[in-house]
Amino acid sequence: MTSIPIRDGQVPDVERRTILVVDDEDTFRERLVRALHERGFQATGAASGDEALRLAERETPEYAIVDLRMPRMSGLHVVRKLHAMDSTTRIVVLTGYGSIATALDAVRSGAVNYLTKPADLDEIIAAFNHDGAPAIEPPPTLIPSLDRVEWEHIDRVLTECDGNITQAAELLGLHRRSLQRKLSKRPGPR
């Protein structure tokens, strides 16, 4: 399927674009699907990576919004498999646990953009039009907090271990439970 850029956050009714929303949070997924329907998309929700791939096998979507952290199959695996099915599918990764390492992995896996929650619908729709060009003005350089740097390092190691907490804890020199406690907390402010 070919994709036509979205203009001004609207899609013409005669050309309803298919979009797949993959998120294990039922309430968030259902609200996003409903909002996308209101914007003219033919939106479908999937609660897991397995369900998303089954739906995509029937008909590959033109667009996909994929949550990064889901049970059983990570969002990065979903991105890779969706991209392998149809390289023209424009994928945006949406996560509450963003890091530089996972953003790079998502883009390398086939995503066109990476957003952290909370993101409003206009930001999500605009993210599909990202063409990889640098921003007109570079974003201001912020010095991250020590907590944030630690969290990003842990997240990078965990990503390199394909989510294996035991292996990541060993590489980080932490006890497995200590790593689990750190992972259960949100990262510190930038």
N, C-alpha and C. Protein backbone atom coordinates (compact mmCIF):
# COMPACT_ATOMS: atom_id res chain seq x y z
N MET A 1 0.83 -1.18 0.00
CA MET A 1 0.00 0.00 0.00
C MET A 1 0.87 1.24 0.00
N THR A 2 0.45 2.24 -0.71
CA THR A 2 1.19 3.49 -0.71
C THR A 2 0.60 4.40 0.34
N SER A 3 1.43 5.26 0.87
CA SER A 3 0.92 6.17 1.89
C SER A 3 0.97 7.59 1.37
N ILE A 4 -0.08 8.31 1.63
CA ILE A 4 -0.18 9.71 1.27
C ILE A 4 0.01 10.51 2.55
N PRO A 5 0.85 11.54 2.52
CA PRO A 5 1.08 12.31 3.74
C PRO A 5 -0.22 12.88 4.30
N ILE A 6 -0.28 12.97 5.59
CA ILE A 6 -1.43 13.53 6.28
C ILE A 6 -1.24 15.03 6.33
N ARG A 7 -2.23 15.77 5.96
CA ARG A 7 -2.16 17.23 5.97
C ARG A 7 -3.08 17.79 7.04
N ASP A 8 -2.56 18.68 7.86
CA ASP A 8 -3.34 19.39 8.87
C ASP A 8 -4.12 18.45 9.78
N GLY A 9 -3.59 17.26 10.02
CA GLY A 9 -4.21 16.33 10.96
C GLY A 9 -5.50 15.71 10.48
N GLN A 10 -5.87 15.91 9.22
CA GLN A 10 -7.12 15.39 8.70
C GLN A 10 -6.86 14.43 7.54
N VAL A 11 -7.73 13.47 7.38
CA VAL A 11 -7.66 12.53 6.27
C VAL A 11 -8.98 12.64 5.52
N PRO A 12 -8.96 12.80 4.18
CA PRO A 12 -10.22 12.90 3.44
C PRO A 12 -11.08 11.66 3.67
N ASP A 13 -12.40 11.87 3.81
CA ASP A 13 -13.32 10.75 4.05
C ASP A 13 -13.29 9.74 2.92
N VAL A 14 -13.07 10.18 1.67
CA VAL A 14 -13.07 9.26 0.55
C VAL A 14 -11.86 8.35 0.58
N GLU A 15 -10.82 8.74 1.25
CA GLU A 15 -9.60 7.94 1.31
C GLU A 15 -9.25 7.66 2.77
N ARG A 16 -10.07 6.87 3.42
CA ARG A 16 -9.81 6.53 4.82
C ARG A 16 -8.56 5.67 4.91
N ARG A 17 -7.58 6.14 5.62
CA ARG A 17 -6.32 5.44 5.77
C ARG A 17 -6.41 4.43 6.90
N THR A 18 -5.84 3.26 6.69
CA THR A 18 -5.87 2.23 7.73
C THR A 18 -4.74 2.47 8.73
N ILE A 19 -5.09 2.33 9.99
CA ILE A 19 -4.11 2.54 11.06
C ILE A 19 -4.34 1.48 12.13
N LEU A 20 -3.26 0.91 12.60
CA LEU A 20 -3.30 -0.12 13.63
C LEU A 20 -2.71 0.46 14.91
N VAL A 21 -3.46 0.38 16.01
CA VAL A 21 -3.01 0.88 17.31
C VAL A 21 -2.70 -0.33 18.18
N VAL A 22 -1.43 -0.48 18.57
CA VAL A 22 -1.00 -1.64 19.35
C VAL A 22 -0.58 -1.16 20.73
N ASP A 23 -1.41 -1.44 21.73
CA ASP A 23 -1.13 -1.01 23.10
C ASP A 23 -1.86 -1.93 24.05
N ASP A 24 -1.20 -2.38 25.11
CA ASP A 24 -1.83 -3.30 26.05
C ASP A 24 -2.73 -2.60 27.06
N GLU A 25 -2.69 -1.27 27.13
CA GLU A 25 -3.59 -0.51 28.01
C GLU A 25 -4.92 -0.34 27.30
N ASP A 26 -5.94 -1.07 27.74
CA ASP A 26 -7.24 -1.08 27.07
C ASP A 26 -7.85 0.31 26.93
N THR A 27 -7.90 1.06 28.01
CA THR A 27 -8.53 2.37 27.98
C THR A 27 -7.84 3.31 27.01
N PHE A 28 -6.52 3.37 27.08
CA PHE A 28 -5.76 4.25 26.19
C PHE A 28 -5.98 3.85 24.74
N ARG A 29 -5.86 2.55 24.45
CA ARG A 29 -6.00 2.05 23.08
C ARG A 29 -7.39 2.38 22.53
N GLU A 30 -8.43 2.11 23.31
CA GLU A 30 -9.79 2.35 22.84
C GLU A 30 -10.05 3.84 22.60
N ARG A 31 -9.54 4.70 23.47
CA ARG A 31 -9.72 6.14 23.28
C ARG A 31 -8.97 6.63 22.04
N LEU A 32 -7.78 6.10 21.82
CA LEU A 32 -7.00 6.51 20.66
C LEU A 32 -7.66 6.03 19.36
N VAL A 33 -8.16 4.81 19.35
CA VAL A 33 -8.86 4.28 18.17
C VAL A 33 -10.08 5.14 17.88
N ARG A 34 -10.85 5.48 18.90
CA ARG A 34 -12.05 6.31 18.72
C ARG A 34 -11.68 7.69 18.17
N ALA A 35 -10.63 8.30 18.73
CA ALA A 35 -10.20 9.63 18.28
C ALA A 35 -9.72 9.58 16.83
N LEU A 36 -9.02 8.51 16.46
CA LEU A 36 -8.56 8.38 15.08
C LEU A 36 -9.72 8.18 14.11
N HIS A 37 -10.75 7.43 14.54
CA HIS A 37 -11.96 7.29 13.72
C HIS A 37 -12.57 8.67 13.46
N GLU A 38 -12.62 9.49 14.51
CA GLU A 38 -13.19 10.83 14.37
C GLU A 38 -12.38 11.70 13.42
N ARG A 39 -11.09 11.40 13.28
CA ARG A 39 -10.22 12.15 12.36
C ARG A 39 -10.24 11.56 10.94
N GLY A 40 -11.03 10.51 10.73
CA GLY A 40 -11.16 9.98 9.39
C GLY A 40 -10.34 8.74 9.09
N PHE A 41 -9.68 8.18 10.07
CA PHE A 41 -8.90 6.96 9.86
C PHE A 41 -9.80 5.74 10.02
N GLN A 42 -9.43 4.67 9.36
CA GLN A 42 -10.05 3.38 9.60
C GLN A 42 -9.13 2.70 10.62
N ALA A 43 -9.40 2.94 11.90
CA ALA A 43 -8.51 2.51 12.98
C ALA A 43 -8.96 1.19 13.58
N THR A 44 -7.95 0.36 13.90
CA THR A 44 -8.18 -0.93 14.55
C THR A 44 -7.21 -1.03 15.72
N GLY A 45 -7.67 -1.58 16.84
CA GLY A 45 -6.82 -1.74 18.01
C GLY A 45 -6.40 -3.19 18.21
N ALA A 46 -5.21 -3.35 18.77
CA ALA A 46 -4.70 -4.68 19.11
C ALA A 46 -4.10 -4.58 20.51
N ALA A 47 -4.45 -5.54 21.38
CA ALA A 47 -4.00 -5.51 22.77
C ALA A 47 -2.63 -6.15 22.97
N SER A 48 -2.10 -6.82 21.94
CA SER A 48 -0.80 -7.48 22.08
C SER A 48 -0.09 -7.50 20.74
N GLY A 49 1.18 -7.82 20.79
CA GLY A 49 1.96 -7.94 19.57
C GLY A 49 1.45 -9.07 18.69
N ASP A 50 1.10 -10.20 19.30
CA ASP A 50 0.60 -11.34 18.54
C ASP A 50 -0.69 -10.98 17.79
N GLU A 51 -1.60 -10.30 18.49
CA GLU A 51 -2.86 -9.90 17.86
C GLU A 51 -2.60 -8.91 16.72
N ALA A 52 -1.67 -7.98 16.93
CA ALA A 52 -1.34 -7.00 15.91
C ALA A 52 -0.81 -7.68 14.65
N LEU A 53 0.06 -8.65 14.83
CA LEU A 53 0.64 -9.34 13.67
C LEU A 53 -0.41 -10.17 12.93
N ARG A 54 -1.34 -10.77 13.67
CA ARG A 54 -2.43 -11.51 13.02
C ARG A 54 -3.28 -10.56 12.17
N LEU A 55 -3.60 -9.38 12.72
CA LEU A 55 -4.39 -8.40 11.97
C LEU A 55 -3.62 -7.91 10.74
N ALA A 56 -2.33 -7.67 10.91
CA ALA A 56 -1.50 -7.16 9.80
C ALA A 56 -1.32 -8.20 8.71
N GLU A 57 -1.37 -9.47 9.06
CA GLU A 57 -1.25 -10.52 8.04
C GLU A 57 -2.46 -10.53 7.12
N ARG A 58 -3.64 -10.21 7.68
CA ARG A 58 -4.86 -10.14 6.86
C ARG A 58 -4.80 -8.96 5.91
N GLU A 59 -4.44 -7.81 6.44
CA GLU A 59 -4.30 -6.59 5.63
C GLU A 59 -3.29 -5.68 6.31
N THR A 60 -2.17 -5.44 5.65
CA THR A 60 -1.15 -4.60 6.27
C THR A 60 -1.67 -3.16 6.35
N PRO A 61 -1.51 -2.54 7.51
CA PRO A 61 -1.99 -1.17 7.66
C PRO A 61 -1.04 -0.18 6.99
N GLU A 62 -1.58 0.97 6.66
CA GLU A 62 -0.74 2.03 6.10
C GLU A 62 0.05 2.73 7.20
N TYR A 63 -0.55 2.77 8.40
CA TYR A 63 0.07 3.41 9.55
C TYR A 63 -0.08 2.49 10.75
N ALA A 64 0.86 2.62 11.70
CA ALA A 64 0.76 1.84 12.94
C ALA A 64 1.33 2.67 14.09
N ILE A 65 0.68 2.58 15.22
CA ILE A 65 1.15 3.19 16.46
C ILE A 65 1.42 2.02 17.39
N VAL A 66 2.67 1.88 17.84
CA VAL A 66 3.06 0.71 18.62
C VAL A 66 3.62 1.14 19.97
N ASP A 67 3.04 0.60 21.05
CA ASP A 67 3.56 0.82 22.39
C ASP A 67 4.86 0.02 22.53
N LEU A 68 5.82 0.59 23.21
CA LEU A 68 7.13 -0.06 23.33
C LEU A 68 7.10 -1.24 24.30
N ARG A 69 6.52 -1.05 25.46
CA ARG A 69 6.55 -2.09 26.50
C ARG A 69 5.20 -2.78 26.61
N MET A 70 5.20 -4.04 26.20
CA MET A 70 3.99 -4.86 26.29
C MET A 70 4.41 -6.24 26.77
N PRO A 71 3.49 -6.97 27.38
CA PRO A 71 3.82 -8.32 27.84
C PRO A 71 4.08 -9.25 26.65
N ARG A 72 4.86 -10.26 26.86
CA ARG A 72 5.20 -11.32 25.90
C ARG A 72 6.04 -10.84 24.72
N MET A 73 5.59 -9.90 23.93
CA MET A 73 6.35 -9.45 22.76
C MET A 73 6.56 -7.95 22.86
N SER A 74 7.81 -7.52 22.84
CA SER A 74 8.10 -6.09 22.97
C SER A 74 7.66 -5.35 21.72
N GLY A 75 7.44 -4.05 21.87
CA GLY A 75 7.06 -3.21 20.75
C GLY A 75 8.11 -3.20 19.65
N LEU A 76 9.39 -3.31 20.03
CA LEU A 76 10.45 -3.33 19.02
C LEU A 76 10.33 -4.55 18.10
N HIS A 77 9.96 -5.69 18.67
CA HIS A 77 9.76 -6.88 17.85
C HIS A 77 8.57 -6.69 16.92
N VAL A 78 7.52 -6.07 17.42
CA VAL A 78 6.34 -5.79 16.60
C VAL A 78 6.72 -4.86 15.45
N VAL A 79 7.50 -3.82 15.75
CA VAL A 79 7.93 -2.89 14.71
C VAL A 79 8.71 -3.63 13.63
N ARG A 80 9.66 -4.46 14.04
CA ARG A 80 10.48 -5.21 13.07
C ARG A 80 9.61 -6.10 12.18
N LYS A 81 8.67 -6.79 12.80
CA LYS A 81 7.83 -7.72 12.04
C LYS A 81 6.87 -6.98 11.12
N LEU A 82 6.29 -5.88 11.59
CA LEU A 82 5.40 -5.08 10.73
C LEU A 82 6.18 -4.53 9.55
N HIS A 83 7.38 -4.04 9.83
CA HIS A 83 8.23 -3.49 8.76
C HIS A 83 8.62 -4.57 7.76
N ALA A 84 8.88 -5.78 8.25
CA ALA A 84 9.24 -6.89 7.35
C ALA A 84 8.05 -7.29 6.48
N MET A 85 6.83 -7.21 7.04
CA MET A 85 5.63 -7.55 6.27
C MET A 85 5.40 -6.56 5.13
N ASP A 86 5.57 -5.27 5.45
CA ASP A 86 5.33 -4.22 4.46
C ASP A 86 6.19 -3.01 4.84
N SER A 87 7.24 -2.80 4.09
CA SER A 87 8.17 -1.72 4.42
C SER A 87 7.58 -0.33 4.20
N THR A 88 6.40 -0.24 3.56
CA THR A 88 5.78 1.07 3.36
C THR A 88 4.89 1.48 4.53
N THR A 89 4.64 0.57 5.47
CA THR A 89 3.85 0.91 6.65
C THR A 89 4.62 1.94 7.47
N ARG A 90 3.98 3.07 7.75
CA ARG A 90 4.63 4.13 8.53
C ARG A 90 4.30 3.86 10.00
N ILE A 91 5.34 3.63 10.80
CA ILE A 91 5.17 3.20 12.20
C ILE A 91 5.70 4.27 13.13
N VAL A 92 4.90 4.59 14.14
CA VAL A 92 5.32 5.49 15.21
C VAL A 92 5.31 4.69 16.50
N VAL A 93 6.42 4.74 17.23
CA VAL A 93 6.52 4.08 18.53
C VAL A 93 6.12 5.11 19.58
N LEU A 94 5.23 4.69 20.46
CA LEU A 94 4.72 5.56 21.52
C LEU A 94 4.97 4.85 22.85
N THR A 95 5.66 5.52 23.77
CA THR A 95 6.00 4.85 25.03
C THR A 95 6.00 5.81 26.21
N GLY A 96 5.76 5.27 27.36
CA GLY A 96 5.87 6.03 28.60
C GLY A 96 7.26 5.92 29.20
N TYR A 97 8.11 5.08 28.60
CA TYR A 97 9.45 4.83 29.12
C TYR A 97 10.48 5.09 28.04
N GLY A 98 10.61 6.32 27.64
CA GLY A 98 11.51 6.65 26.54
C GLY A 98 12.96 6.74 26.95
N SER A 99 13.83 6.37 26.03
CA SER A 99 15.26 6.54 26.22
C SER A 99 15.89 6.69 24.84
N ILE A 100 17.08 7.22 24.82
CA ILE A 100 17.79 7.41 23.56
C ILE A 100 18.05 6.06 22.89
N ALA A 101 18.45 5.08 23.67
CA ALA A 101 18.76 3.76 23.10
C ALA A 101 17.55 3.13 22.43
N THR A 102 16.40 3.17 23.09
CA THR A 102 15.21 2.55 22.49
C THR A 102 14.70 3.37 21.31
N ALA A 103 14.88 4.69 21.35
CA ALA A 103 14.48 5.51 20.21
C ALA A 103 15.30 5.13 18.98
N LEU A 104 16.61 4.97 19.17
CA LEU A 104 17.46 4.57 18.06
C LEU A 104 17.10 3.17 17.55
N ASP A 105 16.85 2.24 18.47
CA ASP A 105 16.46 0.89 18.07
C ASP A 105 15.15 0.90 17.30
N ALA A 106 14.21 1.72 17.73
CA ALA A 106 12.91 1.79 17.06
C ALA A 106 13.07 2.28 15.62
N VAL A 107 13.85 3.33 15.44
CA VAL A 107 14.06 3.88 14.10
C VAL A 107 14.84 2.89 13.23
N ARG A 108 15.84 2.26 13.80
CA ARG A 108 16.60 1.26 13.04
C ARG A 108 15.74 0.05 12.67
N SER A 109 14.72 -0.21 13.47
CA SER A 109 13.84 -1.36 13.23
C SER A 109 12.76 -1.06 12.20
N GLY A 110 12.60 0.22 11.85
CA GLY A 110 11.61 0.56 10.82
C GLY A 110 10.61 1.63 11.19
N ALA A 111 10.67 2.14 12.41
CA ALA A 111 9.74 3.21 12.80
C ALA A 111 10.17 4.53 12.17
N VAL A 112 9.18 5.36 11.83
CA VAL A 112 9.50 6.68 11.27
C VAL A 112 9.65 7.73 12.36
N ASN A 113 9.14 7.41 13.56
CA ASN A 113 9.25 8.37 14.65
C ASN A 113 9.04 7.65 15.98
N TYR A 114 9.34 8.37 17.05
CA TYR A 114 9.32 7.82 18.41
C TYR A 114 8.83 8.94 19.32
N LEU A 115 7.74 8.71 20.02
CA LEU A 115 7.18 9.72 20.92
C LEU A 115 7.05 9.15 22.32
N THR A 116 7.20 10.03 23.31
CA THR A 116 6.97 9.61 24.68
C THR A 116 5.59 10.08 25.12
N LYS A 117 4.94 9.25 25.94
CA LYS A 117 3.64 9.61 26.51
C LYS A 117 3.86 10.63 27.61
N PRO A 118 2.99 11.53 27.83
CA PRO A 118 1.75 11.73 27.10
C PRO A 118 2.00 12.51 25.81
N ALA A 119 1.35 12.09 24.75
CA ALA A 119 1.40 12.79 23.47
C ALA A 119 -0.04 12.98 23.00
N ASP A 120 -0.36 14.18 22.54
CA ASP A 120 -1.73 14.38 22.08
C ASP A 120 -1.89 13.88 20.65
N LEU A 121 -3.13 13.78 20.20
CA LEU A 121 -3.43 13.20 18.90
C LEU A 121 -2.76 13.96 17.76
N ASP A 122 -2.71 15.28 17.84
CA ASP A 122 -2.07 16.06 16.79
C ASP A 122 -0.58 15.73 16.69
N GLU A 123 0.09 15.56 17.84
CA GLU A 123 1.51 15.18 17.83
C GLU A 123 1.72 13.80 17.19
N ILE A 124 0.82 12.88 17.52
CA ILE A 124 0.93 11.52 16.98
C ILE A 124 0.74 11.54 15.47
N ILE A 125 -0.29 12.23 15.00
CA ILE A 125 -0.54 12.29 13.56
C ILE A 125 0.61 12.98 12.84
N ALA A 126 1.12 14.07 13.42
CA ALA A 126 2.24 14.78 12.81
C ALA A 126 3.50 13.91 12.75
N ALA A 127 3.65 13.00 13.71
CA ALA A 127 4.84 12.14 13.75
C ALA A 127 4.93 11.22 12.54
N PHE A 128 3.80 10.90 11.91
CA PHE A 128 3.83 10.05 10.72
C PHE A 128 4.48 10.75 9.53
N ASN A 129 4.48 12.07 9.53
CA ASN A 129 5.05 12.82 8.41
C ASN A 129 6.52 13.11 8.58
N HIS A 130 7.11 12.63 9.65
CA HIS A 130 8.54 12.88 9.87
C HIS A 130 9.35 12.25 8.75
N ASP A 131 10.19 13.04 8.12
CA ASP A 131 10.96 12.54 6.98
C ASP A 131 12.44 12.37 7.30
N GLY A 132 12.81 12.51 8.56
CA GLY A 132 14.21 12.32 8.94
C GLY A 132 15.05 13.57 8.79
N ALA A 133 14.47 14.64 8.25
CA ALA A 133 15.23 15.88 8.08
C ALA A 133 15.43 16.54 9.44
N PRO A 134 16.57 17.21 9.63
CA PRO A 134 16.78 17.85 10.91
C PRO A 134 15.79 18.99 11.13
N ALA A 135 15.52 19.28 12.37
CA ALA A 135 14.62 20.38 12.70
C ALA A 135 15.23 21.70 12.23
N ILE A 136 14.38 22.67 11.96
CA ILE A 136 14.86 23.97 11.51
C ILE A 136 15.75 24.60 12.58
N GLU A 137 15.29 24.55 13.81
CA GLU A 137 16.10 25.02 14.93
C GLU A 137 16.45 23.82 15.79
N PRO A 138 17.71 23.65 16.13
CA PRO A 138 18.04 22.52 16.99
C PRO A 138 17.39 22.69 18.36
N PRO A 139 16.93 21.59 18.95
CA PRO A 139 16.31 21.69 20.27
C PRO A 139 17.35 22.14 21.29
N PRO A 140 16.89 22.84 22.34
CA PRO A 140 17.85 23.28 23.35
C PRO A 140 18.52 22.09 24.02
N THR A 141 19.79 22.24 24.33
CA THR A 141 20.54 21.17 24.97
C THR A 141 20.23 21.19 26.46
N LEU A 142 19.72 20.08 26.93
CA LEU A 142 19.41 19.95 28.35
C LEU A 142 20.36 18.95 28.97
N ILE A 143 20.81 19.24 30.14
CA ILE A 143 21.68 18.31 30.85
C ILE A 143 20.76 17.41 31.67
N PRO A 144 20.78 16.10 31.36
CA PRO A 144 19.89 15.20 32.09
C PRO A 144 20.34 15.02 33.53
N SER A 145 19.37 14.70 34.38
CA SER A 145 19.69 14.42 35.78
C SER A 145 20.43 13.09 35.86
N LEU A 146 21.10 12.88 36.99
CA LEU A 146 21.83 11.64 37.20
C LEU A 146 20.87 10.44 37.19
N ASP A 147 19.68 10.61 37.79
CA ASP A 147 18.69 9.53 37.77
C ASP A 147 18.29 9.17 36.34
N ARG A 148 18.11 10.19 35.51
CA ARG A 148 17.71 9.96 34.12
C ARG A 148 18.82 9.23 33.35
N VAL A 149 20.06 9.64 33.55
CA VAL A 149 21.20 9.00 32.87
C VAL A 149 21.30 7.54 33.29
N GLU A 150 21.15 7.29 34.59
CA GLU A 150 21.19 5.92 35.08
C GLU A 150 20.08 5.09 34.45
N TRP A 151 18.87 5.64 34.41
CA TRP A 151 17.73 4.92 33.85
C TRP A 151 17.97 4.62 32.36
N GLU A 152 18.48 5.58 31.60
CA GLU A 152 18.74 5.37 30.18
C GLU A 152 19.81 4.29 29.97
N HIS A 153 20.83 4.29 30.84
CA HIS A 153 21.87 3.26 30.74
C HIS A 153 21.28 1.87 31.01
N ILE A 154 20.48 1.77 32.05
CA ILE A 154 19.83 0.50 32.38
C ILE A 154 18.94 0.06 31.22
N ASP A 155 18.18 0.98 30.67
CA ASP A 155 17.28 0.66 29.57
C ASP A 155 18.05 0.18 28.34
N ARG A 156 19.20 0.82 28.07
CA ARG A 156 20.03 0.42 26.92
C ARG A 156 20.56 -1.00 27.11
N VAL A 157 21.06 -1.30 28.32
CA VAL A 157 21.58 -2.64 28.60
C VAL A 157 20.45 -3.67 28.50
N LEU A 158 19.28 -3.34 29.05
CA LEU A 158 18.14 -4.25 29.00
C LEU A 158 17.72 -4.49 27.54
N THR A 159 17.76 -3.47 26.72
CA THR A 159 17.42 -3.61 25.30
C THR A 159 18.43 -4.51 24.60
N GLU A 160 19.70 -4.34 24.91
CA GLU A 160 20.75 -5.18 24.32
C GLU A 160 20.60 -6.64 24.73
N CYS A 161 19.97 -6.87 25.89
CA CYS A 161 19.75 -8.23 26.38
C CYS A 161 18.38 -8.77 25.96
N ASP A 162 17.73 -8.08 25.03
CA ASP A 162 16.39 -8.46 24.55
C ASP A 162 15.39 -8.62 25.69
N GLY A 163 15.48 -7.74 26.69
CA GLY A 163 14.53 -7.75 27.79
C GLY A 163 14.80 -8.78 28.88
N ASN A 164 15.90 -9.50 28.80
CA ASN A 164 16.23 -10.52 29.79
C ASN A 164 16.78 -9.82 31.04
N ILE A 165 15.95 -9.73 32.07
CA ILE A 165 16.31 -8.99 33.29
C ILE A 165 17.48 -9.65 34.01
N THR A 166 17.51 -10.97 34.06
CA THR A 166 18.60 -11.67 34.75
C THR A 166 19.94 -11.36 34.09
N GLN A 167 19.99 -11.43 32.78
CA GLN A 167 21.23 -11.16 32.04
C GLN A 167 21.63 -9.69 32.20
N ALA A 168 20.65 -8.78 32.11
CA ALA A 168 20.95 -7.35 32.26
C ALA A 168 21.47 -7.05 33.66
N ALA A 169 20.86 -7.65 34.69
CA ALA A 169 21.31 -7.43 36.06
C ALA A 169 22.74 -7.90 36.24
N GLU A 170 23.08 -9.02 35.64
CA GLU A 170 24.44 -9.54 35.73
C GLU A 170 25.43 -8.57 35.07
N LEU A 171 25.08 -8.07 33.88
CA LEU A 171 25.97 -7.14 33.18
C LEU A 171 26.13 -5.81 33.94
N LEU A 172 25.07 -5.41 34.62
CA LEU A 172 25.09 -4.14 35.37
C LEU A 172 25.69 -4.30 36.76
N GLY A 173 25.92 -5.54 37.18
CA GLY A 173 26.46 -5.78 38.52
C GLY A 173 25.44 -5.52 39.61
N LEU A 174 24.16 -5.77 39.31
CA LEU A 174 23.08 -5.58 40.26
C LEU A 174 22.42 -6.92 40.57
N HIS A 175 21.75 -6.97 41.69
CA HIS A 175 20.92 -8.12 42.00
C HIS A 175 19.67 -7.98 41.13
N ARG A 176 19.11 -9.11 40.71
CA ARG A 176 17.95 -9.11 39.82
C ARG A 176 16.79 -8.29 40.41
N ARG A 177 16.51 -8.47 41.69
CA ARG A 177 15.40 -7.73 42.33
C ARG A 177 15.68 -6.23 42.39
N SER A 178 16.93 -5.87 42.60
CA SER A 178 17.28 -4.43 42.61
C SER A 178 17.00 -3.82 41.25
N LEU A 179 17.34 -4.55 40.20
CA LEU A 179 17.08 -4.06 38.85
C LEU A 179 15.57 -3.96 38.60
N GLN A 180 14.82 -4.94 39.06
CA GLN A 180 13.36 -4.90 38.89
C GLN A 180 12.76 -3.68 39.60
N ARG A 181 13.26 -3.36 40.79
CA ARG A 181 12.76 -2.18 41.51
C ARG A 181 13.07 -0.91 40.73
N LYS A 182 14.28 -0.81 40.20
CA LYS A 182 14.65 0.37 39.41
C LYS A 182 13.79 0.49 38.17
N LEU A 183 13.48 -0.64 37.53
CA LEU A 183 12.66 -0.62 36.32
C LEU A 183 11.21 -0.26 36.59
N SER A 184 10.74 -0.54 37.80
CA SER A 184 9.34 -0.24 38.12
C SER A 184 9.11 1.25 38.35
N LYS A 185 10.18 1.99 38.57
CA LYS A 185 10.06 3.44 38.78
C LYS A 185 10.19 4.17 37.46
N ARG A 186 9.51 5.28 37.35
CA ARG A 186 9.64 6.10 36.14
C ARG A 186 10.99 6.81 36.20
N PRO A 187 11.55 7.13 35.04
CA PRO A 187 12.84 7.82 35.05
C PRO A 187 12.73 9.20 35.66
N GLY A 188 13.84 9.68 36.18
CA GLY A 188 13.87 11.00 36.75
C GLY A 188 13.70 12.07 35.69
N PRO A 189 13.44 13.29 36.09
CA PRO A 189 13.26 14.37 35.10
C PRO A 189 14.56 14.63 34.36
N ARG A 190 14.41 15.18 33.19
CA ARG A 190 15.58 15.50 32.37
C ARG A 190 16.33 16.58 33.07
